[in-house]
Protein backbone atom coordinates (compact mmCIF):
# COMPACT_ATOMS: atom_id res chain seq x y z
CA MET A 1 6.25 -16.57 7.08
CA THR A 2 9.29 -18.67 5.56
CA SER A 3 12.69 -17.29 5.25
CA THR A 4 15.98 -18.29 3.62
CA VAL A 5 17.89 -14.91 4.49
CA PRO A 6 21.58 -15.58 5.23
CA ALA A 7 23.04 -13.10 7.46
CA SER A 8 25.23 -11.40 4.90
CA LEU A 9 22.23 -11.01 2.53
CA ILE A 10 21.24 -7.62 4.28
CA ARG A 11 23.10 -4.77 2.59
CA THR A 12 23.04 -2.21 0.51
CA THR A 13 24.06 -2.37 -3.16
CA GLU A 14 26.07 0.01 -5.59
CA GLY A 15 25.50 2.84 -2.70
CA SER A 16 21.46 2.55 -3.31
CA ALA A 17 19.47 3.33 -0.05
CA LEU A 18 17.17 0.77 -1.22
CA GLN A 19 17.27 -2.08 1.52
CA ALA A 20 14.36 -4.54 0.06
CA VAL A 21 11.87 -5.13 -2.65
CA LEU A 22 8.49 -6.27 -1.26
CA LEU A 23 6.17 -7.65 -4.07
CA ASP A 24 2.44 -8.64 -3.81
CA MET A 25 1.34 -11.60 -5.66
CA ASP A 26 -2.15 -11.73 -7.40
CA GLY A 27 -2.55 -9.47 -9.76
CA THR A 28 1.13 -8.27 -9.32
CA LEU A 29 3.13 -10.68 -10.40
CA VAL A 30 0.68 -13.41 -11.68
CA ASP A 31 -2.27 -12.37 -13.34
CA THR A 32 -4.85 -14.30 -11.17
CA GLU A 33 -7.31 -11.52 -9.54
CA GLY A 34 -9.48 -12.73 -12.49
CA PHE A 35 -9.15 -16.37 -11.33
CA TRP A 36 -9.94 -15.50 -7.67
CA TRP A 37 -13.25 -13.57 -9.03
CA ASP A 38 -14.37 -16.39 -11.59
CA VAL A 39 -13.68 -19.06 -8.39
CA GLU A 40 -16.24 -16.80 -6.15
CA VAL A 41 -18.62 -16.83 -8.79
CA GLU A 42 -18.46 -20.55 -9.26
CA VAL A 43 -18.82 -21.29 -5.48
CA PHE A 44 -22.09 -18.65 -4.78
CA ALA A 45 -23.58 -20.56 -7.82
CA ASP A 46 -23.18 -23.69 -6.39
CA LEU A 47 -24.73 -22.20 -3.15
CA GLY A 48 -27.16 -20.70 -5.27
CA HIS A 49 -26.68 -17.25 -5.26
CA ARG A 50 -25.59 -14.93 -8.35
CA LEU A 51 -22.75 -12.35 -7.61
CA ASP A 52 -23.00 -8.54 -8.98
CA ASP A 53 -19.92 -7.54 -10.85
CA ALA A 54 -19.96 -4.23 -8.90
CA TRP A 55 -18.86 -6.57 -5.86
CA ARG A 56 -15.74 -7.21 -7.49
CA ASP A 57 -14.21 -4.22 -6.78
CA VAL A 58 -14.91 -4.54 -3.01
CA VAL A 59 -13.31 -7.56 -2.59
CA VAL A 60 -10.28 -7.47 -5.06
CA GLY A 61 -7.01 -7.57 -3.01
CA GLY A 62 -8.63 -7.88 0.44
CA PRO A 63 -7.81 -10.69 2.89
CA MET A 64 -9.95 -14.05 2.24
CA THR A 65 -12.14 -13.43 5.70
CA ARG A 66 -13.15 -10.13 4.78
CA SER A 67 -14.12 -10.69 1.00
CA ALA A 68 -15.84 -14.12 2.22
CA GLY A 69 -17.76 -12.05 4.85
CA TYR A 70 -18.90 -9.53 2.57
CA LEU A 71 -19.90 -11.91 -0.10
CA ILE A 72 -22.04 -13.74 2.48
CA GLU A 73 -23.67 -10.58 3.84
CA VAL A 74 -24.73 -9.24 0.60
CA THR A 75 -25.75 -12.37 -0.93
CA GLY A 76 -27.57 -13.90 2.27
CA ALA A 77 -25.59 -17.21 1.64
CA ASP A 78 -26.10 -19.73 3.98
CA VAL A 79 -22.37 -20.44 4.87
CA ALA A 80 -19.91 -20.44 7.61
CA ILE A 81 -16.97 -18.18 6.64
CA GLU A 82 -14.73 -21.01 7.80
CA GLU A 83 -16.59 -23.35 5.33
CA LEU A 84 -16.54 -20.84 2.20
CA THR A 85 -12.79 -20.34 3.20
CA VAL A 86 -12.16 -23.89 2.40
CA LEU A 87 -14.38 -24.07 -0.74
CA LEU A 88 -12.87 -21.23 -2.29
CA ASN A 89 -9.02 -22.14 -1.71
CA ASP A 90 -9.78 -25.60 -2.87
CA ARG A 91 -11.26 -24.36 -6.32
CA PHE A 92 -8.77 -21.79 -6.32
CA GLU A 93 -5.92 -24.34 -6.15
CA LYS A 94 -7.49 -26.53 -8.76
CA ARG A 95 -7.88 -23.77 -10.94
CA ILE A 96 -3.82 -22.59 -10.57
CA GLY A 97 -3.06 -26.49 -11.08
CA ARG A 98 -3.68 -25.89 -14.90
CA GLY A 99 -0.84 -23.17 -14.77
CA VAL A 100 -0.54 -19.58 -13.37
CA PRO A 101 0.32 -16.73 -15.86
CA LEU A 102 2.98 -13.76 -15.37
CA MET A 103 1.95 -10.36 -15.48
CA PRO A 104 3.78 -8.45 -18.16
CA GLY A 105 7.35 -7.51 -16.98
CA ALA A 106 7.13 -9.84 -14.26
CA SER A 107 9.99 -12.37 -15.23
CA ARG A 108 12.17 -9.79 -16.31
CA LEU A 109 11.84 -7.60 -12.74
CA LEU A 110 12.43 -10.93 -10.87
CA ALA A 111 15.33 -11.86 -12.87
CA GLU A 112 16.95 -8.34 -12.72
CA LEU A 113 16.48 -8.46 -8.88
CA SER A 114 17.90 -11.86 -8.50
CA ALA A 115 21.06 -10.99 -10.57
CA HIS A 116 21.61 -8.02 -8.52
CA LYS A 117 21.19 -9.95 -5.11
CA VAL A 118 18.48 -7.54 -3.69
CA PRO A 119 16.55 -8.50 -1.09
CA THR A 120 13.02 -9.42 -2.08
CA ALA A 121 10.10 -10.88 -0.12
CA LEU A 122 6.56 -12.10 -1.36
CA VAL A 123 3.74 -10.72 0.43
CA SER A 124 0.50 -11.95 0.02
CA ALA A 125 -2.87 -11.94 1.37
CA SER A 126 -3.46 -15.45 -0.03
CA HIS A 127 -2.84 -18.53 2.30
CA ARG A 128 0.63 -20.49 2.26
CA ARG A 129 -1.02 -23.37 0.72
CA ILE A 130 -1.88 -21.24 -2.51
CA ILE A 131 1.38 -19.10 -2.05
CA ASP A 132 3.37 -22.49 -2.44
CA ARG A 133 1.54 -23.58 -5.42
CA VAL A 134 2.15 -19.97 -7.43
CA LEU A 135 6.08 -20.20 -6.47
CA ASP A 136 5.93 -23.53 -8.54
CA SER A 137 5.23 -21.21 -11.36
CA VAL A 138 6.90 -18.06 -10.39
CA GLY A 139 10.25 -19.27 -9.17
CA ARG A 140 10.71 -19.65 -5.42
CA HIS A 141 14.63 -19.29 -5.60
CA HIS A 142 13.78 -15.35 -6.37
CA PHE A 143 12.23 -14.62 -3.04
CA ALA A 144 14.56 -15.01 0.08
CA LEU A 145 11.49 -14.72 2.36
CA THR A 146 7.74 -15.00 1.79
CA VAL A 147 4.80 -14.15 4.34
CA ALA A 148 1.34 -15.53 3.90
CA GLY A 149 -2.00 -13.87 5.05
CA ASP A 150 -2.87 -16.96 7.05
CA GLU A 151 0.73 -16.52 8.88
CA VAL A 152 0.23 -13.10 10.27
CA THR A 153 -2.33 -11.71 13.01
CA ARG A 154 -3.82 -9.58 10.80
CA THR A 155 -3.59 -9.11 6.91
CA LYS A 156 -3.76 -6.54 4.53
CA PRO A 157 -4.89 -3.45 4.26
CA HIS A 158 -2.94 -3.87 8.03
CA PRO A 159 0.58 -3.06 8.17
CA GLU A 160 1.67 -6.33 9.72
CA PRO A 161 2.40 -8.14 6.77
CA TYR A 162 4.92 -5.61 5.10
CA LEU A 163 6.39 -4.81 8.58
CA ALA A 164 6.94 -8.30 9.01
CA ALA A 165 8.72 -8.74 5.77
CA ALA A 166 10.90 -5.40 6.66
CA ALA A 167 11.83 -7.13 10.37
CA GLY A 168 12.60 -10.56 8.43
CA PHE A 169 15.18 -8.58 6.50
CA GLY A 170 16.33 -6.43 9.11
CA ALA A 171 15.02 -3.44 6.69
CA ASP A 172 13.77 -0.03 7.34
CA PRO A 173 10.26 -0.06 6.14
CA TRP A 174 11.04 3.29 4.73
CA ARG A 175 14.07 1.68 2.54
CA CYS A 176 11.67 -0.72 1.38
CA ALA A 177 10.01 -0.59 -2.09
CA VAL A 178 6.33 -2.16 -2.53
CA VAL A 179 4.57 -3.42 -5.52
CA GLU A 180 1.04 -3.64 -5.44
CA ASP A 181 -2.21 -3.76 -7.55
CA THR A 182 -5.11 -2.89 -5.24
CA ALA A 183 -6.00 -0.18 -2.97
CA THR A 184 -6.27 -2.47 -0.15
CA GLY A 185 -2.44 -3.53 -0.77
CA VAL A 186 -1.22 -0.22 -1.18
CA ALA A 187 -3.01 0.96 2.13
CA ALA A 188 -0.96 -1.67 3.97
CA ALA A 189 2.58 -0.93 2.62
CA GLU A 190 1.69 2.88 3.24
CA ALA A 191 0.60 2.30 6.72
CA ALA A 192 3.79 0.26 7.34
CA GLY A 193 5.82 3.34 6.13
CA CYS A 194 7.13 1.83 2.54
CA ARG A 195 7.43 3.59 -0.63
CA VAL A 196 4.98 2.13 -3.19
CA VAL A 197 4.67 1.56 -6.79
CA ALA A 198 0.77 0.79 -7.61
CA VAL A 199 0.46 -1.16 -10.72
CA PRO A 200 -3.59 -1.65 -10.84
CA SER A 201 -5.01 -4.57 -11.97
CA VAL A 202 -8.67 -4.25 -11.68
CA ALA A 203 -9.56 -1.04 -9.95
CA PRO A 204 -8.01 2.41 -10.25
CA ILE A 205 -5.55 3.63 -7.81
CA ALA A 206 -4.80 7.36 -7.73
CA PRO A 207 -1.08 8.93 -7.40
CA ALA A 208 -0.25 10.14 -3.85
CA PRO A 209 2.51 11.47 -1.82
CA GLY A 210 5.18 8.45 -1.27
CA ARG A 211 3.51 6.87 -4.09
CA VAL A 212 3.73 6.31 -7.85
CA VAL A 213 1.38 4.84 -10.24
CA VAL A 214 2.34 3.11 -13.47
CA PRO A 215 0.48 1.15 -16.04
CA SER A 216 2.45 -2.04 -15.71
CA LEU A 217 5.70 -3.79 -14.55
CA GLU A 218 7.03 -3.25 -17.63
CA GLN A 219 7.51 0.37 -16.65
CA VAL A 220 9.55 -0.86 -13.34
CA ASP A 221 13.10 -2.04 -12.95
CA LEU A 222 15.78 -1.83 -10.39
CA ALA A 223 16.77 1.83 -11.05
CA PHE A 224 13.21 2.84 -10.82
CA LEU A 225 12.90 1.04 -7.37
CA ARG A 226 15.89 2.81 -6.52
CA GLY A 227 14.68 5.98 -7.01
CA LEU A 228 11.83 5.67 -4.99
CA VAL A 229 14.01 5.53 -2.11
CA ALA A 230 16.68 7.63 -3.05
CA ASP A 231 17.67 10.14 0.07
CA ASP A 232 15.68 13.13 -0.06
């Protein structure tokens, strides 16, 4: 986890109960979920296996070890998880080196959060090396704190990444708004006790208590996020 949180940063603004905004990366801020699947297809093709499109919904949003393990199991590929992880990260890093497209509404939302000095974290199951490359495109100045999947003991769908982010801000998870695009990420945020906005990227996500589902980040702004954590 990397952090540049000054002691004066943790505060509510304009009387809001919102203490921090915690954002997923792939499929939420950047349009890269398709990149990951393409990379997985390419790597397994090199290993002599064809991936079934039906498996995409299973691996989307999950930690790499889970996704890699699942794909090894269903294909019978003769490769260790550790080796496959390196192959996938190397291929993905090369792919994003050609540029990372932002999701609609992402740039505007990040600019608004920065302008209002809302404590904002990037919380991803991707490894640190990948996050740092993506931050070059997204703008690392938007985030006071980032949490990578290889920097926690248990990554999504376990709540540890979001609990770590909230703790890094000294915030109550219940006063944190999370934006996620997959069921795996939503499960992690809800298990941490956060309020969740789901913006589905690949597979649908149903509304639920404490969770709002919207079709795009273009429907999400600071007023919307403050409304999620308003006092009952």
